[in-house]
Amino acid sequence: MVEGQKKEQTENLGSHGGRASSWLAVTIMLIGFTVGGFGLTQSNWLIVWIGVGITVLGGILALVFNIFTDVVIDAPREGMTVEDHR
């Protein structure tokens, strides 16, 4: 492949970066899992349930922010039609 030219397959792949609000929800869920995991290693059930609450809060935010709309459909791959790719 000549430098500066793209293969047909690599054009228009889109981005899977997501919105900042979606990353916020995921980060809150990750913090919840971390807090809960720490509570499990310390045998402290209060910390475990706090972690569960934080994770549930992140899940509710994910539903409110509708994070599943962040999905970007890539360009069709070779041998596939657009209908097959969706």
N, C-alpha and C. Protein backbone atom coordinates (compact mmCIF):
# COMPACT_ATOMS: atom_id res chain seq x y z
N MET A 1 0.85 -1.17 0.00
CA MET A 1 0.00 0.00 0.00
C MET A 1 0.89 1.23 0.00
N VAL A 2 0.58 2.16 -0.84
CA VAL A 2 1.35 3.39 -0.96
C VAL A 2 1.01 4.31 0.20
N GLU A 3 2.01 4.97 0.76
CA GLU A 3 1.78 5.88 1.87
C GLU A 3 0.84 7.01 1.44
N GLY A 4 -0.12 7.32 2.30
CA GLY A 4 -1.07 8.38 1.98
C GLY A 4 -2.36 7.84 1.41
N GLN A 5 -2.38 6.60 0.98
CA GLN A 5 -3.60 6.00 0.46
C GLN A 5 -4.16 5.03 1.50
N LYS A 6 -5.47 4.99 1.60
CA LYS A 6 -6.11 4.08 2.54
C LYS A 6 -6.71 2.92 1.77
N LYS A 7 -6.71 1.78 2.42
CA LYS A 7 -7.44 0.67 1.83
C LYS A 7 -8.92 0.98 1.89
N GLU A 8 -9.67 0.40 1.00
CA GLU A 8 -11.11 0.63 0.96
C GLU A 8 -11.77 0.20 2.26
N GLN A 9 -11.27 -0.84 2.91
CA GLN A 9 -11.87 -1.36 4.13
C GLN A 9 -11.69 -0.42 5.31
N THR A 10 -10.63 0.38 5.34
CA THR A 10 -10.35 1.20 6.51
C THR A 10 -10.98 2.58 6.47
N GLU A 11 -11.65 2.91 5.39
CA GLU A 11 -12.29 4.22 5.29
C GLU A 11 -13.61 4.22 6.04
N ASN A 12 -13.96 5.34 6.62
CA ASN A 12 -15.26 5.54 7.27
C ASN A 12 -15.56 4.52 8.36
N LEU A 13 -14.59 4.22 9.20
CA LEU A 13 -14.83 3.25 10.26
C LEU A 13 -15.61 3.85 11.42
N GLY A 14 -15.69 5.14 11.52
CA GLY A 14 -16.44 5.77 12.59
C GLY A 14 -15.65 5.79 13.88
N SER A 15 -16.28 6.32 14.91
CA SER A 15 -15.62 6.45 16.20
C SER A 15 -16.48 5.79 17.27
N HIS A 16 -15.83 5.13 18.22
CA HIS A 16 -16.54 4.50 19.32
C HIS A 16 -16.24 5.22 20.62
N GLY A 17 -15.93 6.50 20.55
CA GLY A 17 -15.54 7.26 21.71
C GLY A 17 -16.65 7.48 22.72
N GLY A 18 -17.86 7.71 22.30
CA GLY A 18 -18.97 7.95 23.20
C GLY A 18 -19.00 9.38 23.71
N ARG A 19 -20.12 9.73 24.33
CA ARG A 19 -20.31 11.06 24.89
C ARG A 19 -19.71 11.13 26.29
N ALA A 20 -19.46 12.34 26.75
CA ALA A 20 -18.92 12.54 28.10
C ALA A 20 -19.89 12.05 29.16
N SER A 21 -21.18 12.23 28.93
CA SER A 21 -22.17 11.77 29.91
C SER A 21 -22.16 10.25 30.03
N SER A 22 -21.94 9.56 28.94
CA SER A 22 -21.86 8.10 28.98
C SER A 22 -20.62 7.65 29.75
N TRP A 23 -19.51 8.33 29.52
CA TRP A 23 -18.28 7.99 30.24
C TRP A 23 -18.43 8.28 31.73
N LEU A 24 -19.19 9.31 32.08
CA LEU A 24 -19.44 9.61 33.49
C LEU A 24 -20.18 8.45 34.15
N ALA A 25 -21.23 7.95 33.50
CA ALA A 25 -21.99 6.82 34.05
C ALA A 25 -21.11 5.59 34.20
N VAL A 26 -20.30 5.30 33.22
CA VAL A 26 -19.41 4.13 33.28
C VAL A 26 -18.37 4.31 34.38
N THR A 27 -17.85 5.52 34.53
CA THR A 27 -16.86 5.78 35.57
C THR A 27 -17.47 5.59 36.96
N ILE A 28 -18.69 6.06 37.16
CA ILE A 28 -19.36 5.88 38.44
C ILE A 28 -19.58 4.40 38.73
N MET A 29 -19.96 3.62 37.72
CA MET A 29 -20.13 2.18 37.93
C MET A 29 -18.80 1.51 38.26
N LEU A 30 -17.73 1.94 37.61
CA LEU A 30 -16.40 1.39 37.89
C LEU A 30 -15.97 1.71 39.32
N ILE A 31 -16.24 2.92 39.76
CA ILE A 31 -15.94 3.29 41.15
C ILE A 31 -16.74 2.43 42.11
N GLY A 32 -18.01 2.19 41.80
CA GLY A 32 -18.84 1.34 42.64
C GLY A 32 -18.30 -0.07 42.76
N PHE A 33 -17.87 -0.65 41.64
CA PHE A 33 -17.29 -1.99 41.66
C PHE A 33 -16.00 -2.00 42.48
N THR A 34 -15.21 -0.95 42.34
CA THR A 34 -13.95 -0.88 43.09
C THR A 34 -14.20 -0.77 44.59
N VAL A 35 -15.13 0.08 44.98
CA VAL A 35 -15.46 0.23 46.41
C VAL A 35 -16.01 -1.08 46.95
N GLY A 36 -16.93 -1.70 46.21
CA GLY A 36 -17.48 -2.98 46.65
C GLY A 36 -16.44 -4.08 46.75
N GLY A 37 -15.53 -4.12 45.79
CA GLY A 37 -14.46 -5.12 45.83
C GLY A 37 -13.53 -4.90 47.01
N PHE A 38 -13.25 -3.63 47.31
CA PHE A 38 -12.42 -3.33 48.48
C PHE A 38 -13.14 -3.78 49.75
N GLY A 39 -14.44 -3.53 49.82
CA GLY A 39 -15.21 -3.96 50.99
C GLY A 39 -15.20 -5.46 51.16
N LEU A 40 -15.24 -6.19 50.05
CA LEU A 40 -15.18 -7.66 50.14
C LEU A 40 -13.84 -8.13 50.67
N THR A 41 -12.77 -7.49 50.23
CA THR A 41 -11.45 -7.93 50.70
C THR A 41 -11.24 -7.58 52.17
N GLN A 42 -11.95 -6.58 52.68
CA GLN A 42 -11.82 -6.18 54.08
C GLN A 42 -12.91 -6.81 54.96
N SER A 43 -13.78 -7.61 54.37
CA SER A 43 -14.92 -8.23 55.07
C SER A 43 -15.77 -7.18 55.78
N ASN A 44 -15.97 -6.06 55.12
CA ASN A 44 -16.77 -4.98 55.67
C ASN A 44 -18.02 -4.84 54.80
N TRP A 45 -19.14 -5.37 55.29
CA TRP A 45 -20.36 -5.41 54.49
C TRP A 45 -20.95 -4.03 54.26
N LEU A 46 -20.70 -3.08 55.15
CA LEU A 46 -21.19 -1.72 54.93
C LEU A 46 -20.55 -1.13 53.67
N ILE A 47 -19.25 -1.31 53.52
CA ILE A 47 -18.56 -0.80 52.33
C ILE A 47 -19.02 -1.54 51.07
N VAL A 48 -19.27 -2.83 51.19
CA VAL A 48 -19.78 -3.60 50.04
C VAL A 48 -21.11 -3.01 49.58
N TRP A 49 -22.02 -2.75 50.50
CA TRP A 49 -23.35 -2.24 50.12
C TRP A 49 -23.27 -0.80 49.63
N ILE A 50 -22.32 -0.03 50.14
CA ILE A 50 -22.10 1.32 49.58
C ILE A 50 -21.65 1.20 48.13
N GLY A 51 -20.74 0.26 47.86
CA GLY A 51 -20.30 0.02 46.48
C GLY A 51 -21.44 -0.42 45.58
N VAL A 52 -22.32 -1.27 46.11
CA VAL A 52 -23.49 -1.70 45.33
C VAL A 52 -24.37 -0.49 45.01
N GLY A 53 -24.57 0.38 46.01
CA GLY A 53 -25.39 1.58 45.79
C GLY A 53 -24.79 2.50 44.74
N ILE A 54 -23.48 2.68 44.79
CA ILE A 54 -22.81 3.52 43.79
C ILE A 54 -22.96 2.91 42.40
N THR A 55 -22.82 1.59 42.31
CA THR A 55 -22.96 0.91 41.02
C THR A 55 -24.38 1.05 40.48
N VAL A 56 -25.37 0.91 41.34
CA VAL A 56 -26.77 1.07 40.92
C VAL A 56 -27.02 2.51 40.46
N LEU A 57 -26.45 3.47 41.18
CA LEU A 57 -26.58 4.87 40.77
C LEU A 57 -26.00 5.08 39.36
N GLY A 58 -24.84 4.49 39.10
CA GLY A 58 -24.24 4.59 37.77
C GLY A 58 -25.11 3.93 36.71
N GLY A 59 -25.74 2.80 37.06
CA GLY A 59 -26.64 2.14 36.11
C GLY A 59 -27.87 2.97 35.80
N ILE A 60 -28.40 3.63 36.82
CA ILE A 60 -29.55 4.51 36.59
C ILE A 60 -29.14 5.68 35.70
N LEU A 61 -27.98 6.25 35.97
CA LEU A 61 -27.49 7.33 35.10
C LEU A 61 -27.30 6.85 33.67
N ALA A 62 -26.80 5.61 33.50
CA ALA A 62 -26.61 5.06 32.15
C ALA A 62 -27.94 4.96 31.42
N LEU A 63 -28.99 4.57 32.14
CA LEU A 63 -30.32 4.50 31.51
C LEU A 63 -30.83 5.90 31.17
N VAL A 64 -30.63 6.84 32.08
CA VAL A 64 -31.09 8.21 31.83
C VAL A 64 -30.34 8.83 30.66
N PHE A 65 -29.03 8.61 30.61
CA PHE A 65 -28.22 9.18 29.52
C PHE A 65 -28.37 8.40 28.22
N ASN A 66 -29.02 7.23 28.27
CA ASN A 66 -29.24 6.40 27.08
C ASN A 66 -27.92 6.10 26.37
N ILE A 67 -27.01 5.45 27.10
CA ILE A 67 -25.66 5.24 26.58
C ILE A 67 -25.61 4.29 25.38
N PHE A 68 -26.66 3.50 25.17
CA PHE A 68 -26.63 2.58 24.05
C PHE A 68 -26.78 3.28 22.71
N THR A 69 -27.14 4.56 22.72
CA THR A 69 -27.21 5.30 21.46
C THR A 69 -25.84 5.76 21.00
N ASP A 70 -24.80 5.52 21.80
CA ASP A 70 -23.44 5.90 21.42
C ASP A 70 -22.82 4.93 20.41
N VAL A 71 -23.46 3.83 20.13
CA VAL A 71 -22.90 2.82 19.23
C VAL A 71 -22.81 3.39 17.83
N VAL A 72 -21.64 3.25 17.22
CA VAL A 72 -21.42 3.71 15.86
C VAL A 72 -21.27 2.48 14.98
N ILE A 73 -22.05 2.41 13.94
CA ILE A 73 -21.97 1.26 13.04
C ILE A 73 -20.87 1.52 12.03
N ASP A 74 -19.92 0.59 11.97
CA ASP A 74 -18.80 0.73 11.05
C ASP A 74 -19.26 0.56 9.61
N ALA A 75 -18.37 0.91 8.72
CA ALA A 75 -18.61 0.67 7.30
C ALA A 75 -18.69 -0.83 7.06
N PRO A 76 -19.49 -1.25 6.10
CA PRO A 76 -19.61 -2.69 5.84
C PRO A 76 -18.26 -3.31 5.49
N ARG A 77 -18.07 -4.52 5.96
CA ARG A 77 -16.83 -5.24 5.66
C ARG A 77 -16.95 -5.91 4.29
N GLU A 78 -15.82 -6.31 3.78
CA GLU A 78 -15.79 -6.92 2.45
C GLU A 78 -16.65 -8.17 2.44
N GLY A 79 -17.46 -8.30 1.43
CA GLY A 79 -18.31 -9.48 1.27
C GLY A 79 -19.63 -9.37 2.00
N MET A 80 -19.89 -8.27 2.65
CA MET A 80 -21.14 -8.09 3.38
C MET A 80 -21.91 -6.92 2.77
N THR A 81 -23.20 -7.03 2.78
CA THR A 81 -24.02 -5.90 2.36
C THR A 81 -24.32 -5.04 3.57
N VAL A 82 -24.83 -3.86 3.33
CA VAL A 82 -25.14 -2.96 4.44
C VAL A 82 -26.18 -3.59 5.36
N GLU A 83 -27.13 -4.31 4.82
CA GLU A 83 -28.18 -4.95 5.61
C GLU A 83 -27.60 -6.04 6.52
N ASP A 84 -26.59 -6.76 6.06
CA ASP A 84 -25.97 -7.80 6.87
C ASP A 84 -25.20 -7.21 8.05
N HIS A 85 -24.69 -6.01 7.86
CA HIS A 85 -23.83 -5.40 8.88
C HIS A 85 -24.63 -4.82 10.05
N ARG A 86 -25.86 -4.48 9.80
CA ARG A 86 -26.67 -3.87 10.87
C ARG A 86 -27.22 -4.92 11.68
